[in-house]
Amino acid sequence: MVSLENIAQAALRRDGLGLRSLVQEFLRGQPKLASVSRPQTEDQEILGIAAGLIELLAQRSGQAAPSWTGDIGPMPKPFVMLEAATRMKRLRALCEAESPEPLRKRGLYAPPDFLTFA
């Protein structure tokens, strides 16, 4: 079973293909996102990414996010979710300007259609 922490770790590695696969599997097994548990870690990067992603998925599916996400602050430093955006100025600018709000408020930057398949 895929955990939210596994998903956050894939995102932190900027493993786009792995992230998409993990999120799809996670959503098949977790229809009620408000009940998803907080990752059992004190790593602020993992917690920030996990909170941003679960809020994004909840928003897109019209569900409530888990209450624990309100206790998680922004990333220790801004983080671009796509490896290509670390090298491509225009893509990075797009990510910074149009990142979905649940990600942007935590200092996470991705294109506006990030994980829209979900």
C-alpha atoms as a PDB file:
ATOM      1  CA  MET A   1       0.000   0.000   0.000  1.00  0.00           C
ATOM      2  CA  VAL A   2       1.326   3.415  -0.979  1.00  0.00           C
ATOM      3  CA  SER A   3       1.712   5.954   1.808  1.00  0.00           C
ATOM      4  CA  LEU A   4       1.634   9.723   1.580  1.00  0.00           C
ATOM      5  CA  GLU A   5       5.222   9.699   2.849  1.00  0.00           C
ATOM      6  CA  ASN A   6       6.260   7.502  -0.126  1.00  0.00           C
ATOM      7  CA  ILE A   7       4.631  10.022  -2.451  1.00  0.00           C
ATOM      8  CA  ALA A   8       6.378  12.957  -0.771  1.00  0.00           C
ATOM      9  CA  GLN A   9       9.739  11.174  -1.009  1.00  0.00           C
ATOM     10  CA  ALA A  10       9.256  10.625  -4.756  1.00  0.00           C
ATOM     11  CA  ALA A  11       8.377  14.308  -5.164  1.00  0.00           C
ATOM     12  CA  LEU A  12      11.456  15.341  -3.189  1.00  0.00           C
ATOM     13  CA  ARG A  13      13.603  13.236  -5.554  1.00  0.00           C
ATOM     14  CA  ARG A  14      11.802  14.929  -8.485  1.00  0.00           C
ATOM     15  CA  ASP A  15      10.876  11.467  -9.772  1.00  0.00           C
ATOM     16  CA  GLY A  16       7.998  12.591 -11.982  1.00  0.00           C
ATOM     17  CA  LEU A  17       7.060   9.222 -13.422  1.00  0.00           C
ATOM     18  CA  GLY A  18       7.277   7.490 -10.047  1.00  0.00           C
ATOM     19  CA  LEU A  19       5.277  10.284  -8.420  1.00  0.00           C
ATOM     20  CA  ARG A  20       2.452  10.012 -10.953  1.00  0.00           C
ATOM     21  CA  SER A  21       2.322   6.241 -10.545  1.00  0.00           C
ATOM     22  CA  LEU A  22       2.322   6.416  -6.740  1.00  0.00           C
ATOM     23  CA  VAL A  23      -0.403   9.084  -6.684  1.00  0.00           C
ATOM     24  CA  GLN A  24      -2.633   7.051  -8.994  1.00  0.00           C
ATOM     25  CA  GLU A  25      -2.217   3.951  -6.834  1.00  0.00           C
ATOM     26  CA  PHE A  26      -2.741   5.983  -3.648  1.00  0.00           C
ATOM     27  CA  LEU A  27      -5.990   7.489  -4.937  1.00  0.00           C
ATOM     28  CA  ARG A  28      -7.353   4.077  -5.876  1.00  0.00           C
ATOM     29  CA  GLY A  29      -6.908   2.978  -2.255  1.00  0.00           C
ATOM     30  CA  GLN A  30      -7.834   6.223  -0.449  1.00  0.00           C
ATOM     31  CA  PRO A  31     -11.224   7.490  -1.575  1.00  0.00           C
ATOM     32  CA  LYS A  32     -11.677   9.708   1.546  1.00  0.00           C
ATOM     33  CA  LEU A  33      -8.695  12.043   1.672  1.00  0.00           C
ATOM     34  CA  ALA A  34      -9.671  13.749   4.959  1.00  0.00           C
ATOM     35  CA  SER A  35      -8.849  10.491   6.753  1.00  0.00           C
ATOM     36  CA  VAL A  36      -5.260  10.269   5.463  1.00  0.00           C
ATOM     37  CA  SER A  37      -2.805  10.178   8.363  1.00  0.00           C
ATOM     38  CA  ARG A  38       0.058  12.609   8.856  1.00  0.00           C
ATOM     39  CA  PRO A  39       3.389  11.111   7.785  1.00  0.00           C
ATOM     40  CA  GLN A  40       5.319   9.768  10.762  1.00  0.00           C
ATOM     41  CA  THR A  41       8.387  11.951  10.288  1.00  0.00           C
ATOM     42  CA  GLU A  42       9.725  15.246  11.550  1.00  0.00           C
ATOM     43  CA  ASP A  43      11.415  16.002   8.200  1.00  0.00           C
ATOM     44  CA  GLN A  44       9.994  19.411   7.305  1.00  0.00           C
ATOM     45  CA  GLU A  45      10.528  18.904   3.582  1.00  0.00           C
ATOM     46  CA  ILE A  46       8.584  15.625   3.561  1.00  0.00           C
ATOM     47  CA  LEU A  47       5.829  17.137   5.713  1.00  0.00           C
ATOM     48  CA  GLY A  48       5.571  20.278   3.552  1.00  0.00           C
ATOM     49  CA  ILE A  49       5.376  18.296   0.336  1.00  0.00           C
ATOM     50  CA  ALA A  50       2.910  15.791   1.822  1.00  0.00           C
ATOM     51  CA  ALA A  51       0.628  18.561   3.097  1.00  0.00           C
ATOM     52  CA  GLY A  52       0.753  20.477  -0.184  1.00  0.00           C
ATOM     53  CA  LEU A  53       0.054  17.405  -2.296  1.00  0.00           C
ATOM     54  CA  ILE A  54      -2.815  16.070  -0.180  1.00  0.00           C
ATOM     55  CA  GLU A  55      -4.417  19.535  -0.144  1.00  0.00           C
ATOM     56  CA  LEU A  56      -4.031  19.731  -3.928  1.00  0.00           C
ATOM     57  CA  LEU A  57      -5.589  16.292  -4.439  1.00  0.00           C
ATOM     58  CA  ALA A  58      -8.419  17.094  -2.024  1.00  0.00           C
ATOM     59  CA  GLN A  59      -9.143  20.414  -3.744  1.00  0.00           C
ATOM     60  CA  ARG A  60      -9.240  18.818  -7.177  1.00  0.00           C
ATOM     61  CA  SER A  61     -11.556  16.031  -6.037  1.00  0.00           C
ATOM     62  CA  GLY A  62     -13.900  18.346  -4.114  1.00  0.00           C
ATOM     63  CA  GLN A  63     -12.983  16.804  -0.765  1.00  0.00           C
ATOM     64  CA  ALA A  64     -11.776  18.194   2.535  1.00  0.00           C
ATOM     65  CA  ALA A  65      -8.081  17.922   3.300  1.00  0.00           C
ATOM     66  CA  PRO A  66      -6.941  16.194   6.496  1.00  0.00           C
ATOM     67  CA  SER A  67      -6.990  18.549   9.484  1.00  0.00           C
ATOM     68  CA  TRP A  68      -3.296  17.978  10.257  1.00  0.00           C
ATOM     69  CA  THR A  69      -2.275  19.897   7.125  1.00  0.00           C
ATOM     70  CA  GLY A  70      -3.149  23.141   8.912  1.00  0.00           C
ATOM     71  CA  ASP A  71      -0.297  22.486  11.354  1.00  0.00           C
ATOM     72  CA  ILE A  72       2.330  22.188   8.615  1.00  0.00           C
ATOM     73  CA  GLY A  73       4.159  25.313   7.559  1.00  0.00           C
ATOM     74  CA  PRO A  74       5.949  26.137   4.317  1.00  0.00           C
ATOM     75  CA  MET A  75       9.050  24.387   3.077  1.00  0.00           C
ATOM     76  CA  PRO A  76      12.343  25.426   4.695  1.00  0.00           C
ATOM     77  CA  LYS A  77      13.338  26.779   1.255  1.00  0.00           C
ATOM     78  CA  PRO A  78      11.407  27.056  -2.046  1.00  0.00           C
ATOM     79  CA  PHE A  79      11.259  23.804  -3.990  1.00  0.00           C
ATOM     80  CA  VAL A  80      10.577  23.312  -7.710  1.00  0.00           C
ATOM     81  CA  MET A  81       8.725  20.012  -8.241  1.00  0.00           C
ATOM     82  CA  LEU A  82       9.964  19.366 -11.815  1.00  0.00           C
ATOM     83  CA  GLU A  83      13.587  18.507 -12.549  1.00  0.00           C
ATOM     84  CA  ALA A  84      13.364  20.291 -15.923  1.00  0.00           C
ATOM     85  CA  ALA A  85      12.304  23.524 -14.201  1.00  0.00           C
ATOM     86  CA  THR A  86      15.609  23.601 -12.337  1.00  0.00           C
ATOM     87  CA  ARG A  87      17.352  24.070 -15.726  1.00  0.00           C
ATOM     88  CA  MET A  88      14.781  25.846 -17.895  1.00  0.00           C
ATOM     89  CA  LYS A  89      14.165  29.499 -16.989  1.00  0.00           C
ATOM     90  CA  ARG A  90      10.782  29.827 -18.716  1.00  0.00           C
ATOM     91  CA  LEU A  91       9.424  26.642 -17.188  1.00  0.00           C
ATOM     92  CA  ARG A  92      10.622  27.719 -13.759  1.00  0.00           C
ATOM     93  CA  ALA A  93       8.980  31.140 -14.221  1.00  0.00           C
ATOM     94  CA  LEU A  94       5.715  29.412 -15.220  1.00  0.00           C
ATOM     95  CA  CYS A  95       5.897  27.195 -12.142  1.00  0.00           C
ATOM     96  CA  GLU A  96       6.567  30.147  -9.844  1.00  0.00           C
ATOM     97  CA  ALA A  97       3.775  32.259 -11.356  1.00  0.00           C
ATOM     98  CA  GLU A  98       1.074  29.631 -11.815  1.00  0.00           C
ATOM     99  CA  SER A  99       1.724  26.880  -9.296  1.00  0.00           C
ATOM    100  CA  PRO A 100      -1.532  25.570  -7.793  1.00  0.00           C
ATOM    101  CA  GLU A 101      -2.361  27.462  -4.586  1.00  0.00           C
ATOM    102  CA  PRO A 102      -2.074  24.468  -2.199  1.00  0.00           C
ATOM    103  CA  LEU A 103       1.514  23.999  -3.387  1.00  0.00           C
ATOM    104  CA  ARG A 104       2.494  27.660  -3.756  1.00  0.00           C
ATOM    105  CA  LYS A 105       1.484  28.551  -0.170  1.00  0.00           C
ATOM    106  CA  ARG A 106       4.034  25.991   1.043  1.00  0.00           C
ATOM    107  CA  GLY A 107       6.848  27.178  -1.229  1.00  0.00           C
ATOM    108  CA  LEU A 108       6.326  24.361  -3.746  1.00  0.00           C
ATOM    109  CA  TYR A 109       6.354  25.234  -7.427  1.00  0.00           C
ATOM    110  CA  ALA A 110       4.883  23.199 -10.265  1.00  0.00           C
ATOM    111  CA  PRO A 111       2.993  23.872 -13.509  1.00  0.00           C
ATOM    112  CA  PRO A 112      -0.706  24.707 -13.138  1.00  0.00           C
ATOM    113  CA  ASP A 113      -1.720  21.290 -14.494  1.00  0.00           C
ATOM    114  CA  PHE A 114       0.564  19.338 -12.134  1.00  0.00           C
ATOM    115  CA  LEU A 115      -0.961  15.911 -11.382  1.00  0.00           C
ATOM    116  CA  THR A 116      -4.224  16.759 -13.160  1.00  0.00           C
ATOM    117  CA  PHE A 117      -4.722  13.152 -14.219  1.00  0.00           C
ATOM    118  CA  ALA A 118      -5.649  12.465 -10.599  1.00  0.00           C
END
